[in-house]
Amino acid sequence: MRYGCDELGIYTIILSLEKAKQICIGALGEIDFAPGCYAYTGSARGPGGCRRVDRHIEILRGTRNTRRWHIDYLLAQAGLVEVFITRTSRDLECSIAEMVGERLVPIKGFGSSDCRCISHLHYGEDLVSTMAAVSLAHSRAASMTLEPSRE
């Protein structure tokens, strides 16, 4: 499945890890990841729009090897569960990440080196609570933009 389009938006990728892993995350160094679900929120507001999600999926599947962002290092080790996209030209990346963080545990400094957020990656022990947190955040963001879409 391809998620990309030229439209702009904010996305959250939900990943799963079946067992605990220590992963080197670029400049962040080694991070211990517990088994469970992880929700990463990013922006697809630049050139190419939501095609950025396809780039992440290529890394996850092993068809692309370039590591540019923190999430790229985790993608290579995790399984894909779901992708949520809110199509918008508004800068809601941090707002969505903060809303997800109200219900899930932030992985400090992950994906947030260019903003003041605690994190753009959040941990949930189980799929139900992780999906609920992300769904709620994107629903709330959609009400701010009136341009929602769930892929």
N, C-alpha and C. Protein backbone atom coordinates (compact mmCIF):
# COMPACT_ATOMS: atom_id res chain seq x y z
N MET A 1 0.84 -1.18 0.00
CA MET A 1 0.00 0.00 0.00
C MET A 1 0.88 1.24 0.00
N ARG A 2 0.48 2.23 -0.80
CA ARG A 2 1.20 3.48 -0.85
C ARG A 2 0.37 4.55 -0.16
N TYR A 3 1.02 5.31 0.69
CA TYR A 3 0.34 6.36 1.43
C TYR A 3 0.55 7.72 0.79
N GLY A 4 1.58 7.82 -0.01
CA GLY A 4 2.00 9.11 -0.49
C GLY A 4 1.06 9.78 -1.46
N CYS A 5 1.11 11.07 -1.43
CA CYS A 5 0.39 11.93 -2.35
C CYS A 5 1.08 13.29 -2.23
N ASP A 6 0.72 14.18 -3.09
CA ASP A 6 1.33 15.51 -3.02
C ASP A 6 0.71 16.40 -1.96
N GLU A 7 -0.39 15.93 -1.35
CA GLU A 7 -1.03 16.72 -0.31
C GLU A 7 -0.13 16.83 0.91
N LEU A 8 -0.31 17.92 1.64
CA LEU A 8 0.46 18.14 2.86
C LEU A 8 -0.30 17.57 4.04
N GLY A 9 0.44 17.20 5.08
CA GLY A 9 -0.24 16.68 6.26
C GLY A 9 0.70 16.37 7.41
N ILE A 10 0.10 15.83 8.45
CA ILE A 10 0.81 15.36 9.64
C ILE A 10 0.45 13.88 9.79
N TYR A 11 1.44 13.05 10.10
CA TYR A 11 1.19 11.62 10.20
C TYR A 11 1.68 11.07 11.53
N THR A 12 1.10 9.96 11.92
CA THR A 12 1.61 9.19 13.04
C THR A 12 1.68 7.74 12.59
N ILE A 13 2.86 7.18 12.70
CA ILE A 13 3.09 5.77 12.36
C ILE A 13 3.10 4.98 13.66
N ILE A 14 2.30 3.94 13.72
CA ILE A 14 2.30 3.06 14.89
C ILE A 14 3.11 1.82 14.54
N LEU A 15 4.10 1.56 15.38
CA LEU A 15 5.03 0.44 15.20
C LEU A 15 4.92 -0.51 16.38
N SER A 16 5.38 -1.73 16.17
CA SER A 16 5.41 -2.69 17.28
C SER A 16 6.78 -3.33 17.39
N LEU A 17 7.16 -3.60 18.62
CA LEU A 17 8.37 -4.39 18.91
C LEU A 17 7.91 -5.57 19.75
N GLU A 18 8.25 -6.77 19.30
CA GLU A 18 7.82 -7.97 20.02
C GLU A 18 8.65 -8.25 21.26
N LYS A 19 9.93 -7.84 21.22
CA LYS A 19 10.78 -8.06 22.40
C LYS A 19 11.66 -6.85 22.63
N ALA A 20 12.21 -6.75 23.82
CA ALA A 20 13.07 -5.62 24.18
C ALA A 20 14.29 -5.59 23.27
N LYS A 21 14.69 -4.37 22.88
CA LYS A 21 15.86 -4.19 22.02
C LYS A 21 16.59 -2.92 22.43
N GLN A 22 17.90 -2.97 22.30
CA GLN A 22 18.71 -1.76 22.44
C GLN A 22 19.09 -1.36 21.02
N ILE A 23 18.75 -0.13 20.63
CA ILE A 23 18.97 0.33 19.27
C ILE A 23 19.75 1.63 19.31
N CYS A 24 20.77 1.73 18.45
CA CYS A 24 21.52 2.98 18.32
C CYS A 24 20.71 3.92 17.43
N ILE A 25 20.31 5.06 17.98
CA ILE A 25 19.48 6.04 17.29
C ILE A 25 20.34 7.25 16.95
N GLY A 26 21.17 7.12 15.93
CA GLY A 26 21.99 8.23 15.46
C GLY A 26 22.66 8.97 16.59
N ALA A 27 22.52 10.31 16.60
CA ALA A 27 23.16 11.16 17.60
C ALA A 27 22.61 10.96 19.01
N LEU A 28 21.42 10.37 19.14
CA LEU A 28 20.87 10.11 20.48
C LEU A 28 21.61 8.97 21.18
N GLY A 29 22.28 8.13 20.39
CA GLY A 29 23.01 7.00 20.97
C GLY A 29 22.11 5.80 21.21
N GLU A 30 22.55 4.92 22.11
CA GLU A 30 21.82 3.68 22.41
C GLU A 30 20.59 3.98 23.27
N ILE A 31 19.46 3.44 22.84
CA ILE A 31 18.22 3.57 23.60
C ILE A 31 17.64 2.18 23.80
N ASP A 32 17.20 1.92 25.03
CA ASP A 32 16.54 0.65 25.34
C ASP A 32 15.05 0.79 25.04
N PHE A 33 14.55 -0.07 24.18
CA PHE A 33 13.14 -0.08 23.82
C PHE A 33 12.48 -1.31 24.42
N ALA A 34 11.40 -1.11 25.15
CA ALA A 34 10.62 -2.20 25.74
C ALA A 34 9.72 -2.79 24.66
N PRO A 35 9.30 -4.04 24.84
CA PRO A 35 8.32 -4.58 23.89
C PRO A 35 7.00 -3.81 24.03
N GLY A 36 6.31 -3.65 22.92
CA GLY A 36 5.05 -2.92 22.93
C GLY A 36 4.89 -2.12 21.66
N CYS A 37 4.12 -1.06 21.74
CA CYS A 37 3.80 -0.23 20.58
C CYS A 37 4.45 1.15 20.72
N TYR A 38 4.82 1.71 19.59
CA TYR A 38 5.42 3.03 19.54
C TYR A 38 4.69 3.85 18.49
N ALA A 39 4.40 5.10 18.82
CA ALA A 39 3.70 6.00 17.92
C ALA A 39 4.62 7.18 17.62
N TYR A 40 5.00 7.32 16.34
CA TYR A 40 5.88 8.40 15.92
C TYR A 40 5.08 9.40 15.09
N THR A 41 5.12 10.66 15.49
CA THR A 41 4.41 11.72 14.78
C THR A 41 5.40 12.59 14.02
N GLY A 42 5.12 12.79 12.74
CA GLY A 42 5.99 13.59 11.89
C GLY A 42 5.20 14.48 10.95
N SER A 43 5.93 15.34 10.27
CA SER A 43 5.33 16.29 9.34
C SER A 43 5.58 15.88 7.90
N ALA A 44 4.55 16.00 7.09
CA ALA A 44 4.67 15.79 5.65
C ALA A 44 4.20 17.07 4.96
N ARG A 45 4.76 18.18 5.42
CA ARG A 45 4.37 19.48 4.90
C ARG A 45 5.40 20.05 3.94
N GLY A 46 6.47 19.31 3.69
CA GLY A 46 7.51 19.77 2.78
C GLY A 46 7.26 19.28 1.37
N PRO A 47 8.27 19.42 0.51
CA PRO A 47 8.13 18.95 -0.87
C PRO A 47 7.79 17.45 -0.88
N GLY A 48 6.84 17.08 -1.71
CA GLY A 48 6.44 15.68 -1.80
C GLY A 48 5.29 15.33 -0.89
N GLY A 49 4.99 16.20 0.07
CA GLY A 49 3.85 15.97 0.95
C GLY A 49 3.89 14.62 1.64
N CYS A 50 2.78 13.92 1.58
CA CYS A 50 2.62 12.66 2.31
C CYS A 50 3.44 11.51 1.74
N ARG A 51 4.19 11.76 0.66
CA ARG A 51 5.10 10.71 0.16
C ARG A 51 6.19 10.40 1.18
N ARG A 52 6.40 11.29 2.14
CA ARG A 52 7.38 11.01 3.19
C ARG A 52 7.01 9.71 3.92
N VAL A 53 5.74 9.45 4.09
CA VAL A 53 5.30 8.21 4.75
C VAL A 53 5.79 7.00 3.95
N ASP A 54 5.71 7.07 2.62
CA ASP A 54 6.20 5.97 1.79
C ASP A 54 7.69 5.74 2.02
N ARG A 55 8.46 6.81 2.17
CA ARG A 55 9.88 6.68 2.45
C ARG A 55 10.10 5.91 3.74
N HIS A 56 9.33 6.23 4.78
CA HIS A 56 9.45 5.51 6.05
C HIS A 56 9.10 4.03 5.87
N ILE A 57 8.07 3.74 5.10
CA ILE A 57 7.67 2.35 4.88
C ILE A 57 8.76 1.59 4.13
N GLU A 58 9.43 2.25 3.20
CA GLU A 58 10.54 1.61 2.47
C GLU A 58 11.66 1.22 3.43
N ILE A 59 11.98 2.06 4.40
CA ILE A 59 13.00 1.73 5.39
C ILE A 59 12.53 0.55 6.23
N LEU A 60 11.28 0.59 6.64
CA LEU A 60 10.72 -0.49 7.45
C LEU A 60 10.80 -1.83 6.72
N ARG A 61 10.55 -1.82 5.42
CA ARG A 61 10.56 -3.05 4.61
C ARG A 61 11.95 -3.44 4.14
N GLY A 62 12.94 -2.57 4.36
CA GLY A 62 14.31 -2.89 3.97
C GLY A 62 14.64 -2.56 2.53
N THR A 63 13.80 -1.80 1.83
CA THR A 63 14.08 -1.44 0.44
C THR A 63 14.77 -0.09 0.32
N ARG A 64 15.00 0.57 1.43
CA ARG A 64 15.77 1.83 1.48
C ARG A 64 16.66 1.76 2.70
N ASN A 65 17.92 2.15 2.53
CA ASN A 65 18.88 2.04 3.63
C ASN A 65 19.31 3.37 4.24
N THR A 66 18.97 4.47 3.62
CA THR A 66 19.40 5.78 4.11
C THR A 66 18.75 6.10 5.46
N ARG A 67 19.59 6.48 6.42
CA ARG A 67 19.11 6.87 7.75
C ARG A 67 19.32 8.37 7.90
N ARG A 68 18.22 9.13 7.92
CA ARG A 68 18.30 10.58 8.00
C ARG A 68 17.75 11.10 9.33
N TRP A 69 16.65 10.53 9.80
CA TRP A 69 15.98 11.00 11.00
C TRP A 69 16.02 9.93 12.08
N HIS A 70 15.78 10.33 13.33
CA HIS A 70 15.77 9.37 14.45
C HIS A 70 14.88 8.17 14.14
N ILE A 71 13.70 8.41 13.59
CA ILE A 71 12.74 7.33 13.35
C ILE A 71 13.29 6.28 12.39
N ASP A 72 14.18 6.67 11.49
CA ASP A 72 14.72 5.71 10.52
C ASP A 72 15.41 4.53 11.20
N TYR A 73 16.07 4.78 12.31
CA TYR A 73 16.80 3.73 13.02
C TYR A 73 15.83 2.75 13.69
N LEU A 74 14.72 3.25 14.20
CA LEU A 74 13.72 2.38 14.81
C LEU A 74 12.93 1.61 13.75
N LEU A 75 12.62 2.27 12.64
CA LEU A 75 11.86 1.62 11.57
C LEU A 75 12.51 0.32 11.11
N ALA A 76 13.84 0.32 11.05
CA ALA A 76 14.56 -0.86 10.57
C ALA A 76 14.42 -2.05 11.52
N GLN A 77 13.93 -1.82 12.74
CA GLN A 77 13.85 -2.87 13.75
C GLN A 77 12.41 -3.25 14.14
N ALA A 78 11.43 -2.52 13.63
CA ALA A 78 10.06 -2.65 14.13
C ALA A 78 9.11 -3.18 13.05
N GLY A 79 7.90 -3.49 13.48
CA GLY A 79 6.84 -3.89 12.57
C GLY A 79 5.81 -2.78 12.45
N LEU A 80 5.25 -2.63 11.25
CA LEU A 80 4.24 -1.61 11.00
C LEU A 80 2.87 -2.11 11.47
N VAL A 81 2.17 -1.27 12.21
CA VAL A 81 0.82 -1.60 12.65
C VAL A 81 -0.21 -0.76 11.90
N GLU A 82 -0.02 0.55 11.86
CA GLU A 82 -1.04 1.46 11.29
C GLU A 82 -0.40 2.81 10.99
N VAL A 83 -1.01 3.54 10.08
CA VAL A 83 -0.60 4.91 9.78
C VAL A 83 -1.84 5.80 9.83
N PHE A 84 -1.76 6.88 10.58
CA PHE A 84 -2.81 7.89 10.62
C PHE A 84 -2.27 9.14 9.93
N ILE A 85 -3.08 9.74 9.07
CA ILE A 85 -2.68 10.97 8.39
C ILE A 85 -3.81 11.99 8.53
N THR A 86 -3.45 13.19 8.94
CA THR A 86 -4.38 14.32 8.91
C THR A 86 -3.86 15.26 7.84
N ARG A 87 -4.59 15.37 6.76
CA ARG A 87 -4.17 16.23 5.66
C ARG A 87 -4.46 17.69 6.04
N THR A 88 -3.39 18.45 6.04
CA THR A 88 -3.49 19.86 6.43
C THR A 88 -2.24 20.61 5.99
N SER A 89 -2.38 21.87 5.74
CA SER A 89 -1.21 22.72 5.48
C SER A 89 -0.77 23.41 6.76
N ARG A 90 -1.55 23.25 7.83
CA ARG A 90 -1.22 23.88 9.12
C ARG A 90 -0.14 23.09 9.84
N ASP A 91 0.66 23.79 10.62
CA ASP A 91 1.76 23.17 11.36
C ASP A 91 1.22 22.59 12.68
N LEU A 92 0.70 21.37 12.61
CA LEU A 92 0.10 20.72 13.78
C LEU A 92 0.92 19.54 14.29
N GLU A 93 2.13 19.36 13.77
CA GLU A 93 2.96 18.22 14.18
C GLU A 93 3.17 18.20 15.69
N CYS A 94 3.60 19.30 16.25
CA CYS A 94 3.87 19.34 17.69
C CYS A 94 2.58 19.21 18.50
N SER A 95 1.50 19.80 18.01
CA SER A 95 0.22 19.68 18.72
C SER A 95 -0.23 18.23 18.79
N ILE A 96 -0.13 17.51 17.67
CA ILE A 96 -0.53 16.10 17.67
C ILE A 96 0.39 15.29 18.56
N ALA A 97 1.71 15.53 18.46
CA ALA A 97 2.66 14.79 19.31
C ALA A 97 2.36 15.03 20.79
N GLU A 98 2.05 16.26 21.15
CA GLU A 98 1.74 16.57 22.55
C GLU A 98 0.45 15.89 23.00
N MET A 99 -0.55 15.84 22.11
CA MET A 99 -1.81 15.17 22.46
C MET A 99 -1.60 13.66 22.64
N VAL A 100 -0.78 13.06 21.78
CA VAL A 100 -0.46 11.63 21.95
C VAL A 100 0.25 11.44 23.28
N GLY A 101 1.15 12.37 23.61
CA GLY A 101 1.91 12.30 24.86
C GLY A 101 1.07 12.46 26.12
N GLU A 102 -0.15 12.94 25.99
CA GLU A 102 -1.04 13.03 27.15
C GLU A 102 -1.47 11.65 27.63
N ARG A 103 -1.42 10.66 26.73
CA ARG A 103 -1.91 9.32 27.06
C ARG A 103 -0.84 8.23 26.98
N LEU A 104 0.28 8.53 26.32
CA LEU A 104 1.35 7.54 26.18
C LEU A 104 2.64 8.11 26.76
N VAL A 105 3.65 7.27 26.91
CA VAL A 105 4.91 7.65 27.54
C VAL A 105 5.89 8.19 26.48
N PRO A 106 6.39 9.42 26.66
CA PRO A 106 7.34 9.97 25.69
C PRO A 106 8.72 9.32 25.81
N ILE A 107 9.37 9.14 24.66
CA ILE A 107 10.77 8.71 24.61
C ILE A 107 11.56 10.01 24.44
N LYS A 108 12.09 10.51 25.54
CA LYS A 108 12.66 11.87 25.62
C LYS A 108 13.67 12.16 24.49
N GLY A 109 13.42 13.29 23.81
CA GLY A 109 14.33 13.80 22.79
C GLY A 109 14.20 13.15 21.43
N PHE A 110 13.37 12.13 21.30
CA PHE A 110 13.27 11.38 20.05
C PHE A 110 12.41 12.15 19.05
N GLY A 111 13.02 12.51 17.92
CA GLY A 111 12.30 13.17 16.84
C GLY A 111 11.94 14.61 17.11
N SER A 112 12.50 15.18 18.16
CA SER A 112 12.13 16.55 18.53
C SER A 112 13.33 17.46 18.66
N SER A 113 14.37 17.19 17.89
CA SER A 113 15.58 18.01 18.00
C SER A 113 15.39 19.40 17.38
N ASP A 114 14.34 19.58 16.58
CA ASP A 114 14.12 20.87 15.93
C ASP A 114 12.92 21.63 16.52
N CYS A 115 12.47 21.21 17.71
CA CYS A 115 11.34 21.89 18.36
C CYS A 115 11.51 21.78 19.88
N ARG A 116 10.54 22.26 20.62
CA ARG A 116 10.62 22.25 22.08
C ARG A 116 9.83 21.10 22.72
N CYS A 117 9.32 20.20 21.90
CA CYS A 117 8.55 19.07 22.43
C CYS A 117 9.44 18.13 23.23
N ILE A 118 8.84 17.44 24.18
CA ILE A 118 9.58 16.40 24.91
C ILE A 118 9.97 15.30 23.94
N SER A 119 9.05 14.92 23.06
CA SER A 119 9.30 13.82 22.13
C SER A 119 8.24 13.81 21.04
N HIS A 120 8.60 13.18 19.92
CA HIS A 120 7.62 12.87 18.88
C HIS A 120 7.43 11.37 18.77
N LEU A 121 8.04 10.61 19.68
CA LEU A 121 7.85 9.16 19.76
C LEU A 121 7.30 8.84 21.14
N HIS A 122 6.23 8.05 21.16
CA HIS A 122 5.58 7.70 22.42
C HIS A 122 5.36 6.20 22.50
N TYR A 123 5.45 5.69 23.72
CA TYR A 123 5.34 4.26 23.99
C TYR A 123 4.01 3.91 24.64
N GLY A 124 3.42 2.83 24.15
CA GLY A 124 2.23 2.27 24.77
C GLY A 124 2.44 0.77 24.97
N GLU A 125 2.06 0.25 26.12
CA GLU A 125 2.26 -1.17 26.39
C GLU A 125 1.44 -2.06 25.48
N ASP A 126 0.26 -1.57 25.07
CA ASP A 126 -0.61 -2.42 24.26
C ASP A 126 -1.17 -1.65 23.08
N LEU A 127 -1.64 -2.40 22.09
CA LEU A 127 -2.13 -1.80 20.86
C LEU A 127 -3.41 -0.99 21.08
N VAL A 128 -4.30 -1.46 21.91
CA VAL A 128 -5.58 -0.77 22.13
C VAL A 128 -5.36 0.65 22.65
N SER A 129 -4.55 0.80 23.69
CA SER A 129 -4.33 2.14 24.26
C SER A 129 -3.54 3.03 23.30
N THR A 130 -2.61 2.43 22.55
CA THR A 130 -1.82 3.21 21.60
C THR A 130 -2.70 3.72 20.46
N MET A 131 -3.51 2.84 19.89
CA MET A 131 -4.41 3.24 18.80
C MET A 131 -5.41 4.30 19.29
N ALA A 132 -5.92 4.13 20.49
CA ALA A 132 -6.89 5.09 21.03
C ALA A 132 -6.26 6.47 21.19
N ALA A 133 -5.04 6.52 21.71
CA ALA A 133 -4.36 7.80 21.91
C ALA A 133 -4.11 8.51 20.59
N VAL A 134 -3.64 7.76 19.60
CA VAL A 134 -3.33 8.36 18.30
C VAL A 134 -4.61 8.78 17.58
N SER A 135 -5.61 7.92 17.61
CA SER A 135 -6.88 8.24 16.97
C SER A 135 -7.50 9.51 17.56
N LEU A 136 -7.48 9.62 18.88
CA LEU A 136 -8.03 10.80 19.54
C LEU A 136 -7.25 12.06 19.15
N ALA A 137 -5.92 11.97 19.14
CA ALA A 137 -5.10 13.13 18.78
C ALA A 137 -5.38 13.59 17.36
N HIS A 138 -5.47 12.65 16.42
CA HIS A 138 -5.74 13.03 15.03
C HIS A 138 -7.17 13.54 14.86
N SER A 139 -8.11 12.99 15.60
CA SER A 139 -9.49 13.49 15.55
C SER A 139 -9.56 14.93 16.06
N ARG A 140 -8.86 15.18 17.15
CA ARG A 140 -8.83 16.54 17.70
C ARG A 140 -8.16 17.50 16.72
N ALA A 141 -7.08 17.04 16.08
CA ALA A 141 -6.38 17.88 15.10
C ALA A 141 -7.26 18.13 13.88
N ALA A 142 -8.01 17.11 13.47
CA ALA A 142 -8.89 17.26 12.32
C ALA A 142 -9.94 18.32 12.58
N SER A 143 -10.40 18.41 13.82
CA SER A 143 -11.39 19.44 14.14
C SER A 143 -10.77 20.84 14.07
N MET A 144 -9.45 20.91 14.18
CA MET A 144 -8.76 22.20 14.06
C MET A 144 -8.59 22.58 12.59
N THR A 145 -8.53 21.58 11.71
CA THR A 145 -8.22 21.83 10.30
C THR A 145 -9.39 21.60 9.37
N LEU A 146 -10.31 20.74 9.79
CA LEU A 146 -11.43 20.33 8.95
C LEU A 146 -10.97 19.68 7.66
N GLU A 147 -9.79 19.01 7.71
CA GLU A 147 -9.25 18.30 6.55
C GLU A 147 -8.80 16.89 6.95
N PRO A 148 -9.61 16.07 7.63
CA PRO A 148 -9.13 14.79 8.14
C PRO A 148 -9.08 13.69 7.09
N SER A 149 -8.21 12.71 7.34
CA SER A 149 -8.18 11.48 6.56
C SER A 149 -7.44 10.44 7.36
N ARG A 150 -8.00 9.26 7.47
CA ARG A 150 -7.32 8.13 8.12
C ARG A 150 -7.04 7.10 7.06
N GLU A 151 -5.80 6.75 6.89
CA GLU A 151 -5.40 5.77 5.86
C GLU A 151 -5.42 4.38 6.43
